C-alpha cells in the first residue's frame, strides 16, 4: 500500500574518466540497499563497457544518482549561472503561473515525461535490444526509443515523452525528441521546480557508458517559445548492484493530493525546491513504501 510520496532528493555526479582497459579487474562496488534511492561510487576501478553483439555499448542496468556538492536536485537549470533559466516573457509568465496556480503534476500522478525524468535523478532501469531501448521509471511508467533509423512522424500527436528517434554516433546514443505537450495548462513541468515546457521544445539527449559502472547524459534543450536560447543539462548515474524497480501505483492511496498547494515551494539560493533536508518519518518506511 502506498504510504508516502517521496520528493526526489538525488543528485548525480560524473567522477569517472575513460573506460578501463580491456582485461581490467571488475569494480569493487559496495552493496546498495534495495530500498535506497541513492547510488555509490565504486571503491575500485571499473570494468570495461559491456557491449551488445553488434558492438554498441549495452546500457542495460538499474541506475541510481549520487549526491554532487553544489548542484541542486531536480533543477533543469543546475548547470546555468545562478541556476537561472533564460526565460522569454512568455516563459516567465508560464513559470509564474506554475509557481502560483498549479500543483506539481507528478504529485497528482501525471507523467513527468522528458526532460523531467532525466532531471529528477530518481532511479530508473534500462533494457536494450539492437532495435530499441526501454527506459523504465520509478512511477511504473516507461518510454520506448527506436534506434532503427526511422524519422520523426510528420505530424506527431503531443506526448509527455515526445516523438523520439534514436541513432548511434560511435559509442554515443543520440535521442532526438520533438512533439511535446505544452505546459500552458499547468499540467506539465520541465523539472521539479515548476519551470515550463512548450510544444516547441526540441530535446537532444547524448547517452554514453564510459565504463561498466557509469551512465552519462548530456542533454540539450531548445524551446524558443519559453527560453531565449538553448541550454544544456548533464548528469551521471552509477550502476546499482542490488535491487531493481518494482510495481509502484502512484494514484493508489495518494492521501496528500487533496491537500497540496500550488508550485514547488520556495526555491532556495542553492537551487533546491522547498527544503534543504528531506523530512522523513521517525521510523523510515521499508522498501515497499518507495517501490511497490
C-alpha atoms as a PDB file:
ATOM      1  CA  UNK A   1       0.000   0.000   0.000  1.00  0.00           C
ATOM      2  CA  UNK A   2       1.274   3.453  -0.870  1.00  0.00           C
ATOM      3  CA  UNK A   3       2.094   5.273   2.381  1.00  0.00           C
ATOM      4  CA  UNK A   4       4.453   8.116   1.494  1.00  0.00           C
ATOM      5  CA  UNK A   5       5.067  10.280  -1.515  1.00  0.00           C
ATOM      6  CA  UNK A   6       8.805  10.708  -1.999  1.00  0.00           C
ATOM      7  CA  UNK A   7      10.094  14.028  -3.339  1.00  0.00           C
ATOM      8  CA  UNK A   8      13.193  13.427  -5.462  1.00  0.00           C
ATOM      9  CA  UNK A   9      16.293  14.115  -3.358  1.00  0.00           C
ATOM     10  CA  UNK A  10      19.018  12.699  -5.572  1.00  0.00           C
ATOM     11  CA  UNK A  11      21.860  14.461  -7.339  1.00  0.00           C
ATOM     12  CA  UNK A  12      24.201  12.590  -9.678  1.00  0.00           C
ATOM     13  CA  UNK A  13      27.830  13.381 -10.459  1.00  0.00           C
ATOM     14  CA  UNK A  14      30.372  12.341 -13.036  1.00  0.00           C
ATOM     15  CA  UNK A  15      33.675  11.358 -11.467  1.00  0.00           C
ATOM     16  CA  UNK A  16      34.829   8.677 -13.880  1.00  0.00           C
ATOM     17  CA  UNK A  17      37.221   9.041 -16.779  1.00  0.00           C
ATOM     18  CA  UNK A  18      37.692   6.971 -19.898  1.00  0.00           C
ATOM     19  CA  UNK A  19      36.732   3.316 -19.974  1.00  0.00           C
ATOM     20  CA  UNK A  20      39.097   0.932 -18.278  1.00  0.00           C
ATOM     21  CA  UNK A  21      41.476  -1.009 -20.465  1.00  0.00           C
ATOM     22  CA  UNK A  22      40.442  -4.456 -21.602  1.00  0.00           C
ATOM     23  CA  UNK A  23      41.173  -7.073 -19.016  1.00  0.00           C
ATOM     24  CA  UNK A  24      40.934  -4.657 -16.056  1.00  0.00           C
ATOM     25  CA  UNK A  25      39.711  -6.101 -12.793  1.00  0.00           C
ATOM     26  CA  UNK A  26      35.967  -5.739 -12.123  1.00  0.00           C
ATOM     27  CA  UNK A  27      34.941  -2.808  -9.946  1.00  0.00           C
ATOM     28  CA  UNK A  28      34.657  -3.423  -6.218  1.00  0.00           C
ATOM     29  CA  UNK A  29      31.295  -1.820  -5.541  1.00  0.00           C
ATOM     30  CA  UNK A  30      29.807  -1.540  -2.042  1.00  0.00           C
ATOM     31  CA  UNK A  31      26.324  -3.024  -1.719  1.00  0.00           C
ATOM     32  CA  UNK A  32      23.399  -0.657  -2.253  1.00  0.00           C
ATOM     33  CA  UNK A  33      20.285  -1.434  -0.246  1.00  0.00           C
ATOM     34  CA  UNK A  34      17.256  -2.257  -2.371  1.00  0.00           C
ATOM     35  CA  UNK A  35      15.211   0.472  -0.626  1.00  0.00           C
ATOM     36  CA  UNK A  36      17.833   3.195  -1.129  1.00  0.00           C
ATOM     37  CA  UNK A  37      17.207   5.928  -3.688  1.00  0.00           C
ATOM     38  CA  UNK A  38      20.925   6.714  -3.766  1.00  0.00           C
ATOM     39  CA  UNK A  39      23.876   5.157  -5.555  1.00  0.00           C
ATOM     40  CA  UNK A  40      27.533   4.894  -4.546  1.00  0.00           C
ATOM     41  CA  UNK A  41      30.734   5.275  -6.471  1.00  0.00           C
ATOM     42  CA  UNK A  42      32.679   2.002  -6.828  1.00  0.00           C
ATOM     43  CA  UNK A  43      35.640   1.601  -4.488  1.00  0.00           C
ATOM     44  CA  UNK A  44      37.947   0.242  -7.157  1.00  0.00           C
ATOM     45  CA  UNK A  45      38.484   0.565 -10.914  1.00  0.00           C
ATOM     46  CA  UNK A  46      35.530  -0.085 -13.186  1.00  0.00           C
ATOM     47  CA  UNK A  47      35.337  -2.915 -15.673  1.00  0.00           C
ATOM     48  CA  UNK A  48      35.195  -2.093 -19.393  1.00  0.00           C
ATOM     49  CA  UNK A  49      31.935  -1.050 -21.019  1.00  0.00           C
ATOM     50  CA  UNK A  50      29.756  -4.091 -21.786  1.00  0.00           C
ATOM     51  CA  UNK A  51      28.638  -4.363 -25.398  1.00  0.00           C
ATOM     52  CA  UNK A  52      25.943  -5.992 -27.460  1.00  0.00           C
ATOM     53  CA  UNK A  53      26.766  -8.453 -30.221  1.00  0.00           C
ATOM     54  CA  UNK A  54      26.568  -5.583 -32.745  1.00  0.00           C
ATOM     55  CA  UNK A  55      29.352  -3.751 -30.901  1.00  0.00           C
ATOM     56  CA  UNK A  56      27.275  -0.926 -29.440  1.00  0.00           C
ATOM     57  CA  UNK A  57      27.541  -0.216 -25.692  1.00  0.00           C
ATOM     58  CA  UNK A  58      24.932  -2.063 -23.650  1.00  0.00           C
ATOM     59  CA  UNK A  59      23.085   0.412 -21.384  1.00  0.00           C
ATOM     60  CA  UNK A  60      21.101  -2.345 -19.680  1.00  0.00           C
ATOM     61  CA  UNK A  61      21.103  -1.966 -15.904  1.00  0.00           C
ATOM     62  CA  UNK A  62      19.483  -0.406 -12.825  1.00  0.00           C
ATOM     63  CA  UNK A  63      20.854   3.133 -12.480  1.00  0.00           C
ATOM     64  CA  UNK A  64      20.935   5.435  -9.449  1.00  0.00           C
ATOM     65  CA  UNK A  65      22.057   9.000  -8.899  1.00  0.00           C
ATOM     66  CA  UNK A  66      24.629  10.112  -6.352  1.00  0.00           C
ATOM     67  CA  UNK A  67      24.959  13.373  -4.423  1.00  0.00           C
ATOM     68  CA  UNK A  68      27.044  16.083  -6.040  1.00  0.00           C
ATOM     69  CA  UNK A  69      28.070  19.028  -3.887  1.00  0.00           C
ATOM     70  CA  UNK A  70      26.894  22.399  -5.145  1.00  0.00           C
ATOM     71  CA  UNK A  71      24.358  21.052  -7.622  1.00  0.00           C
ATOM     72  CA  UNK A  72      20.603  21.317  -6.947  1.00  0.00           C
ATOM     73  CA  UNK A  73      18.295  18.340  -7.131  1.00  0.00           C
ATOM     74  CA  UNK A  74      15.709  18.067  -9.875  1.00  0.00           C
ATOM     75  CA  UNK A  75      16.516  21.517 -11.297  1.00  0.00           C
ATOM     76  CA  UNK A  76      16.896  21.603 -15.094  1.00  0.00           C
ATOM     77  CA  UNK A  77      18.965  24.781 -14.664  1.00  0.00           C
ATOM     78  CA  UNK A  78      21.580  23.108 -12.441  1.00  0.00           C
ATOM     79  CA  UNK A  79      24.360  23.986 -14.929  1.00  0.00           C
ATOM     80  CA  UNK A  80      23.207  27.571 -15.568  1.00  0.00           C
ATOM     81  CA  UNK A  81      24.811  30.566 -13.756  1.00  0.00           C
ATOM     82  CA  UNK A  82      22.898  31.064 -10.536  1.00  0.00           C
ATOM     83  CA  UNK A  83      20.605  28.206 -11.600  1.00  0.00           C
ATOM     84  CA  UNK A  84      18.588  30.781 -13.578  1.00  0.00           C
ATOM     85  CA  UNK A  85      16.973  29.783 -16.847  1.00  0.00           C
ATOM     86  CA  UNK A  86      16.842  32.255 -19.774  1.00  0.00           C
ATOM     87  CA  UNK A  87      13.087  32.886 -19.914  1.00  0.00           C
ATOM     88  CA  UNK A  88      11.326  34.741 -22.690  1.00  0.00           C
ATOM     89  CA  UNK A  89       8.450  36.977 -21.495  1.00  0.00           C
ATOM     90  CA  UNK A  90       6.059  34.118 -22.312  1.00  0.00           C
ATOM     91  CA  UNK A  91       8.299  31.698 -20.415  1.00  0.00           C
ATOM     92  CA  UNK A  92       8.420  33.920 -17.347  1.00  0.00           C
ATOM     93  CA  UNK A  93       4.634  34.241 -17.402  1.00  0.00           C
ATOM     94  CA  UNK A  94       4.253  30.469 -17.696  1.00  0.00           C
ATOM     95  CA  UNK A  95       6.753  29.978 -14.877  1.00  0.00           C
ATOM     96  CA  UNK A  96       4.908  32.340 -12.554  1.00  0.00           C
ATOM     97  CA  UNK A  97       1.638  30.618 -13.392  1.00  0.00           C
ATOM     98  CA  UNK A  98       3.149  27.257 -12.428  1.00  0.00           C
ATOM     99  CA  UNK A  99       4.520  28.696  -9.184  1.00  0.00           C
ATOM    100  CA  UNK A 100       1.262  30.262  -8.060  1.00  0.00           C
ATOM    101  CA  UNK A 101      -1.585  28.422  -9.762  1.00  0.00           C
ATOM    102  CA  UNK A 102      -0.648  24.793 -10.435  1.00  0.00           C
ATOM    103  CA  UNK A 103       0.023  21.746  -8.294  1.00  0.00           C
ATOM    104  CA  UNK A 104       3.074  19.677  -9.138  1.00  0.00           C
ATOM    105  CA  UNK A 105       1.734  17.371 -11.879  1.00  0.00           C
ATOM    106  CA  UNK A 106       3.771  14.382 -10.687  1.00  0.00           C
ATOM    107  CA  UNK A 107       2.215  14.768  -7.226  1.00  0.00           C
ATOM    108  CA  UNK A 108      -1.105  14.174  -8.996  1.00  0.00           C
ATOM    109  CA  UNK A 109       0.328  11.152 -10.821  1.00  0.00           C
ATOM    110  CA  UNK A 110       0.661  12.870 -14.205  1.00  0.00           C
ATOM    111  CA  UNK A 111       3.588  11.563 -16.262  1.00  0.00           C
ATOM    112  CA  UNK A 112       6.744  13.609 -15.834  1.00  0.00           C
ATOM    113  CA  UNK A 113       7.959  12.988 -19.367  1.00  0.00           C
ATOM    114  CA  UNK A 114      11.194  14.293 -20.812  1.00  0.00           C
ATOM    115  CA  UNK A 115      13.257  16.256 -19.848  1.00  0.00           C
ATOM    116  CA  UNK A 116      11.804  15.993 -16.314  1.00  0.00           C
ATOM    117  CA  UNK A 117      12.536  12.296 -15.822  1.00  0.00           C
ATOM    118  CA  UNK A 118      16.172  12.968 -16.728  1.00  0.00           C
ATOM    119  CA  UNK A 119      16.320  15.955 -14.382  1.00  0.00           C
ATOM    120  CA  UNK A 120      14.707  14.242 -11.389  1.00  0.00           C
ATOM    121  CA  UNK A 121      17.594  11.806 -10.771  1.00  0.00           C
ATOM    122  CA  UNK A 122      15.239   9.132  -9.475  1.00  0.00           C
ATOM    123  CA  UNK A 123      16.364   5.553 -10.145  1.00  0.00           C
ATOM    124  CA  UNK A 124      15.480   4.016 -13.486  1.00  0.00           C
ATOM    125  CA  UNK A 125      16.174   0.838 -15.376  1.00  0.00           C
ATOM    126  CA  UNK A 126      17.260   0.370 -18.996  1.00  0.00           C
ATOM    127  CA  UNK A 127      16.658  -2.707 -21.142  1.00  0.00           C
ATOM    128  CA  UNK A 128      18.441  -2.566 -24.503  1.00  0.00           C
ATOM    129  CA  UNK A 129      17.960  -4.541 -27.695  1.00  0.00           C
ATOM    130  CA  UNK A 130      19.575  -3.876 -31.088  1.00  0.00           C
ATOM    131  CA  UNK A 131      16.445  -2.073 -32.345  1.00  0.00           C
ATOM    132  CA  UNK A 132      15.158  -0.141 -29.341  1.00  0.00           C
ATOM    133  CA  UNK A 133      15.685   0.742 -25.707  1.00  0.00           C
ATOM    134  CA  UNK A 134      13.172   0.684 -22.872  1.00  0.00           C
ATOM    135  CA  UNK A 135      13.584   3.213 -20.069  1.00  0.00           C
ATOM    136  CA  UNK A 136      11.626   2.021 -17.012  1.00  0.00           C
ATOM    137  CA  UNK A 137      10.861   4.641 -14.366  1.00  0.00           C
ATOM    138  CA  UNK A 138      10.026   4.635 -10.674  1.00  0.00           C
ATOM    139  CA  UNK A 139       6.344   5.517 -11.117  1.00  0.00           C
ATOM    140  CA  UNK A 140       5.719   2.335 -13.120  1.00  0.00           C
ATOM    141  CA  UNK A 141       5.892   4.121 -16.445  1.00  0.00           C
ATOM    142  CA  UNK A 142       8.237   3.728 -19.368  1.00  0.00           C
ATOM    143  CA  UNK A 143       9.342   5.042 -22.746  1.00  0.00           C
ATOM    144  CA  UNK A 144      10.458   3.051 -25.779  1.00  0.00           C
ATOM    145  CA  UNK A 145      13.119   4.591 -28.016  1.00  0.00           C
ATOM    146  CA  UNK A 146      13.605   3.115 -31.515  1.00  0.00           C
ATOM    147  CA  UNK A 147      17.197   3.000 -32.763  1.00  0.00           C
ATOM    148  CA  UNK A 148      16.460   1.631 -36.228  1.00  0.00           C
ATOM    149  CA  UNK A 149      16.977   4.880 -38.166  1.00  0.00           C
ATOM    150  CA  UNK A 150      13.315   5.847 -38.570  1.00  0.00           C
ATOM    151  CA  UNK A 151      12.492   9.584 -38.958  1.00  0.00           C
ATOM    152  CA  UNK A 152      10.097  11.608 -36.797  1.00  0.00           C
ATOM    153  CA  UNK A 153       6.400  11.344 -37.549  1.00  0.00           C
ATOM    154  CA  UNK A 154       5.374  14.132 -39.901  1.00  0.00           C
ATOM    155  CA  UNK A 155       2.565  15.270 -37.602  1.00  0.00           C
ATOM    156  CA  UNK A 156       3.097  13.641 -34.190  1.00  0.00           C
ATOM    157  CA  UNK A 157       0.442  13.742 -31.511  1.00  0.00           C
ATOM    158  CA  UNK A 158       1.655  15.773 -28.493  1.00  0.00           C
ATOM    159  CA  UNK A 159       3.148  13.448 -25.877  1.00  0.00           C
ATOM    160  CA  UNK A 160       4.795  13.672 -22.469  1.00  0.00           C
ATOM    161  CA  UNK A 161       7.903  11.941 -23.822  1.00  0.00           C
ATOM    162  CA  UNK A 162       7.601  13.468 -27.290  1.00  0.00           C
ATOM    163  CA  UNK A 163       8.128  11.763 -30.617  1.00  0.00           C
ATOM    164  CA  UNK A 164      11.507  10.066 -30.144  1.00  0.00           C
ATOM    165  CA  UNK A 165      14.051   8.724 -32.591  1.00  0.00           C
ATOM    166  CA  UNK A 166      17.424   7.238 -31.698  1.00  0.00           C
ATOM    167  CA  UNK A 167      20.658   6.727 -33.602  1.00  0.00           C
ATOM    168  CA  UNK A 168      24.247   5.826 -32.811  1.00  0.00           C
ATOM    169  CA  UNK A 169      27.231   8.129 -33.323  1.00  0.00           C
ATOM    170  CA  UNK A 170      30.129   5.841 -32.455  1.00  0.00           C
ATOM    171  CA  UNK A 171      29.602   4.846 -28.826  1.00  0.00           C
ATOM    172  CA  UNK A 172      27.132   7.699 -28.188  1.00  0.00           C
ATOM    173  CA  UNK A 173      23.395   7.086 -28.371  1.00  0.00           C
ATOM    174  CA  UNK A 174      21.605  10.222 -29.597  1.00  0.00           C
ATOM    175  CA  UNK A 175      17.889  10.506 -28.817  1.00  0.00           C
ATOM    176  CA  UNK A 176      16.129  13.305 -30.698  1.00  0.00           C
ATOM    177  CA  UNK A 177      12.665  14.252 -29.389  1.00  0.00           C
ATOM    178  CA  UNK A 178      10.014  16.703 -30.630  1.00  0.00           C
ATOM    179  CA  UNK A 179       6.211  16.844 -30.453  1.00  0.00           C
ATOM    180  CA  UNK A 180       5.760  17.517 -26.730  1.00  0.00           C
ATOM    181  CA  UNK A 181       2.734  18.602 -24.774  1.00  0.00           C
ATOM    182  CA  UNK A 182       2.621  22.268 -23.701  1.00  0.00           C
ATOM    183  CA  UNK A 183       2.635  23.280 -20.041  1.00  0.00           C
ATOM    184  CA  UNK A 184       0.311  26.243 -20.699  1.00  0.00           C
ATOM    185  CA  UNK A 185      -2.398  24.487 -18.670  1.00  0.00           C
ATOM    186  CA  UNK A 186      -0.007  23.786 -15.792  1.00  0.00           C
ATOM    187  CA  UNK A 187      -0.113  20.014 -16.266  1.00  0.00           C
ATOM    188  CA  UNK A 188       3.450  19.598 -17.496  1.00  0.00           C
ATOM    189  CA  UNK A 189       6.620  20.871 -15.791  1.00  0.00           C
ATOM    190  CA  UNK A 190      10.092  20.586 -17.304  1.00  0.00           C
ATOM    191  CA  UNK A 191      11.613  19.850 -13.863  1.00  0.00           C
ATOM    192  CA  UNK A 192      10.916  19.685 -10.128  1.00  0.00           C
ATOM    193  CA  UNK A 193      10.970  23.492  -9.755  1.00  0.00           C
ATOM    194  CA  UNK A 194       7.915  24.354 -11.827  1.00  0.00           C
ATOM    195  CA  UNK A 195       9.799  25.532 -14.910  1.00  0.00           C
ATOM    196  CA  UNK A 196       7.622  25.409 -18.060  1.00  0.00           C
ATOM    197  CA  UNK A 197       7.914  23.474 -21.296  1.00  0.00           C
ATOM    198  CA  UNK A 198       6.169  24.254 -24.586  1.00  0.00           C
ATOM    199  CA  UNK A 199       5.031  22.338 -27.638  1.00  0.00           C
ATOM    200  CA  UNK A 200       8.023  23.835 -29.490  1.00  0.00           C
ATOM    201  CA  UNK A 201      10.533  22.008 -27.296  1.00  0.00           C
ATOM    202  CA  UNK A 202      13.298  20.076 -29.032  1.00  0.00           C
ATOM    203  CA  UNK A 203      15.406  17.792 -26.832  1.00  0.00           C
ATOM    204  CA  UNK A 204      18.614  16.050 -27.857  1.00  0.00           C
ATOM    205  CA  UNK A 205      19.999  13.512 -25.373  1.00  0.00           C
ATOM    206  CA  UNK A 206      23.518  12.131 -25.757  1.00  0.00           C
ATOM    207  CA  UNK A 207      23.965   8.970 -23.687  1.00  0.00           C
ATOM    208  CA  UNK A 208      27.296   7.216 -23.124  1.00  0.00           C
ATOM    209  CA  UNK A 209      28.525   4.401 -20.906  1.00  0.00           C
ATOM    210  CA  UNK A 210      32.239   5.141 -20.432  1.00  0.00           C
ATOM    211  CA  UNK A 211      32.723   2.040 -18.282  1.00  0.00           C
ATOM    212  CA  UNK A 212      30.652  -0.664 -16.620  1.00  0.00           C
ATOM    213  CA  UNK A 213      29.658   1.464 -13.615  1.00  0.00           C
ATOM    214  CA  UNK A 214      28.623   4.813 -15.114  1.00  0.00           C
ATOM    215  CA  UNK A 215      25.896   6.052 -17.451  1.00  0.00           C
ATOM    216  CA  UNK A 216      26.422   9.607 -18.676  1.00  0.00           C
ATOM    217  CA  UNK A 217      23.890  12.053 -20.144  1.00  0.00           C
ATOM    218  CA  UNK A 218      24.478  15.401 -21.821  1.00  0.00           C
ATOM    219  CA  UNK A 219      21.130  16.896 -22.838  1.00  0.00           C
ATOM    220  CA  UNK A 220      20.438  19.990 -24.937  1.00  0.00           C
ATOM    221  CA  UNK A 221      17.034  21.677 -24.649  1.00  0.00           C
ATOM    222  CA  UNK A 222      15.770  24.185 -27.199  1.00  0.00           C
ATOM    223  CA  UNK A 223      12.387  25.840 -26.617  1.00  0.00           C
ATOM    224  CA  UNK A 224      12.127  29.204 -28.443  1.00  0.00           C
ATOM    225  CA  UNK A 225       8.642  29.854 -27.033  1.00  0.00           C
ATOM    226  CA  UNK A 226       9.699  29.878 -23.375  1.00  0.00           C
ATOM    227  CA  UNK A 227      13.509  30.324 -23.459  1.00  0.00           C
ATOM    228  CA  UNK A 228      15.725  32.852 -25.238  1.00  0.00           C
ATOM    229  CA  UNK A 229      18.403  30.280 -26.084  1.00  0.00           C
ATOM    230  CA  UNK A 230      19.122  26.595 -25.863  1.00  0.00           C
ATOM    231  CA  UNK A 231      20.755  25.266 -22.692  1.00  0.00           C
ATOM    232  CA  UNK A 232      22.346  22.025 -21.531  1.00  0.00           C
ATOM    233  CA  UNK A 233      21.934  19.659 -18.616  1.00  0.00           C
ATOM    234  CA  UNK A 234      24.488  16.993 -17.682  1.00  0.00           C
ATOM    235  CA  UNK A 235      24.410  14.173 -15.142  1.00  0.00           C
ATOM    236  CA  UNK A 236      25.898  10.732 -14.485  1.00  0.00           C
ATOM    237  CA  UNK A 237      24.271   7.721 -12.823  1.00  0.00           C
ATOM    238  CA  UNK A 238      26.006   4.708 -11.245  1.00  0.00           C
ATOM    239  CA  UNK A 239      25.118   1.065 -11.659  1.00  0.00           C
ATOM    240  CA  UNK A 240      23.279  -0.423  -8.681  1.00  0.00           C
ATOM    241  CA  UNK A 241      24.500  -3.917  -7.823  1.00  0.00           C
ATOM    242  CA  UNK A 242      21.367  -4.897  -5.925  1.00  0.00           C
ATOM    243  CA  UNK A 243      17.677  -4.082  -6.140  1.00  0.00           C
ATOM    244  CA  UNK A 244      15.568  -3.008  -9.074  1.00  0.00           C
ATOM    245  CA  UNK A 245      12.256  -1.437  -9.905  1.00  0.00           C
ATOM    246  CA  UNK A 246       9.031  -2.927  -8.644  1.00  0.00           C
ATOM    247  CA  UNK A 247       5.381  -2.021  -9.031  1.00  0.00           C
ATOM    248  CA  UNK A 248       4.501   1.462  -7.797  1.00  0.00           C
ATOM    249  CA  UNK A 249       0.921   2.673  -8.278  1.00  0.00           C
ATOM    250  CA  UNK A 250       1.164   6.442  -7.878  1.00  0.00           C
ATOM    251  CA  UNK A 251      -2.565   7.059  -7.756  1.00  0.00           C
ATOM    252  CA  UNK A 252      -3.293   4.380  -5.145  1.00  0.00           C
ATOM    253  CA  UNK A 253      -3.858   5.812  -1.667  1.00  0.00           C
ATOM    254  CA  UNK A 254      -2.486   9.196  -2.757  1.00  0.00           C
ATOM    255  CA  UNK A 255      -3.654  10.773   0.500  1.00  0.00           C
ATOM    256  CA  UNK A 256      -1.790  14.059   0.020  1.00  0.00           C
ATOM    257  CA  UNK A 257      -3.283  15.020  -3.356  1.00  0.00           C
ATOM    258  CA  UNK A 258      -6.299  16.868  -1.950  1.00  0.00           C
ATOM    259  CA  UNK A 259      -4.127  18.911   0.411  1.00  0.00           C
ATOM    260  CA  UNK A 260      -1.350  20.075  -1.923  1.00  0.00           C
ATOM    261  CA  UNK A 261      -0.833  23.742  -2.700  1.00  0.00           C
ATOM    262  CA  UNK A 262       0.428  25.317  -5.924  1.00  0.00           C
ATOM    263  CA  UNK A 263       4.020  25.490  -7.041  1.00  0.00           C
ATOM    264  CA  UNK A 264       7.118  23.622  -5.894  1.00  0.00           C
ATOM    265  CA  UNK A 265       7.540  25.591  -2.658  1.00  0.00           C
ATOM    266  CA  UNK A 266      10.231  28.182  -2.036  1.00  0.00           C
ATOM    267  CA  UNK A 267      13.350  27.808  -4.214  1.00  0.00           C
ATOM    268  CA  UNK A 268      16.471  28.343  -2.095  1.00  0.00           C
ATOM    269  CA  UNK A 269      19.699  30.044  -3.128  1.00  0.00           C
ATOM    270  CA  UNK A 270      21.127  26.565  -3.694  1.00  0.00           C
ATOM    271  CA  UNK A 271      18.559  25.937  -6.443  1.00  0.00           C
ATOM    272  CA  UNK A 272      16.639  23.296  -4.489  1.00  0.00           C
ATOM    273  CA  UNK A 273      12.884  23.371  -4.063  1.00  0.00           C
ATOM    274  CA  UNK A 274      11.217  23.969  -0.748  1.00  0.00           C
ATOM    275  CA  UNK A 275      13.656  22.190   1.546  1.00  0.00           C
ATOM    276  CA  UNK A 276      17.302  21.650   2.388  1.00  0.00           C
ATOM    277  CA  UNK A 277      16.989  18.232   4.034  1.00  0.00           C
ATOM    278  CA  UNK A 278      14.183  15.729   3.445  1.00  0.00           C
ATOM    279  CA  UNK A 279      11.900  15.286   6.444  1.00  0.00           C
ATOM    280  CA  UNK A 280      11.426  11.562   6.809  1.00  0.00           C
ATOM    281  CA  UNK A 281       9.295   9.722   9.364  1.00  0.00           C
ATOM    282  CA  UNK A 282      10.942   8.838  12.673  1.00  0.00           C
ATOM    283  CA  UNK A 283      10.761   5.183  11.650  1.00  0.00           C
ATOM    284  CA  UNK A 284      11.656   5.175   7.922  1.00  0.00           C
ATOM    285  CA  UNK A 285       9.395   3.007   5.770  1.00  0.00           C
ATOM    286  CA  UNK A 286      10.618  -0.177   4.194  1.00  0.00           C
ATOM    287  CA  UNK A 287      11.331  -0.616   0.508  1.00  0.00           C
ATOM    288  CA  UNK A 288       7.692  -1.279  -0.355  1.00  0.00           C
ATOM    289  CA  UNK A 289       6.869   2.325   0.546  1.00  0.00           C
ATOM    290  CA  UNK A 290       9.038   3.522  -2.334  1.00  0.00           C
ATOM    291  CA  UNK A 291       8.967   0.795  -4.946  1.00  0.00           C
ATOM    292  CA  UNK A 292       5.673  -1.091  -4.545  1.00  0.00           C
END
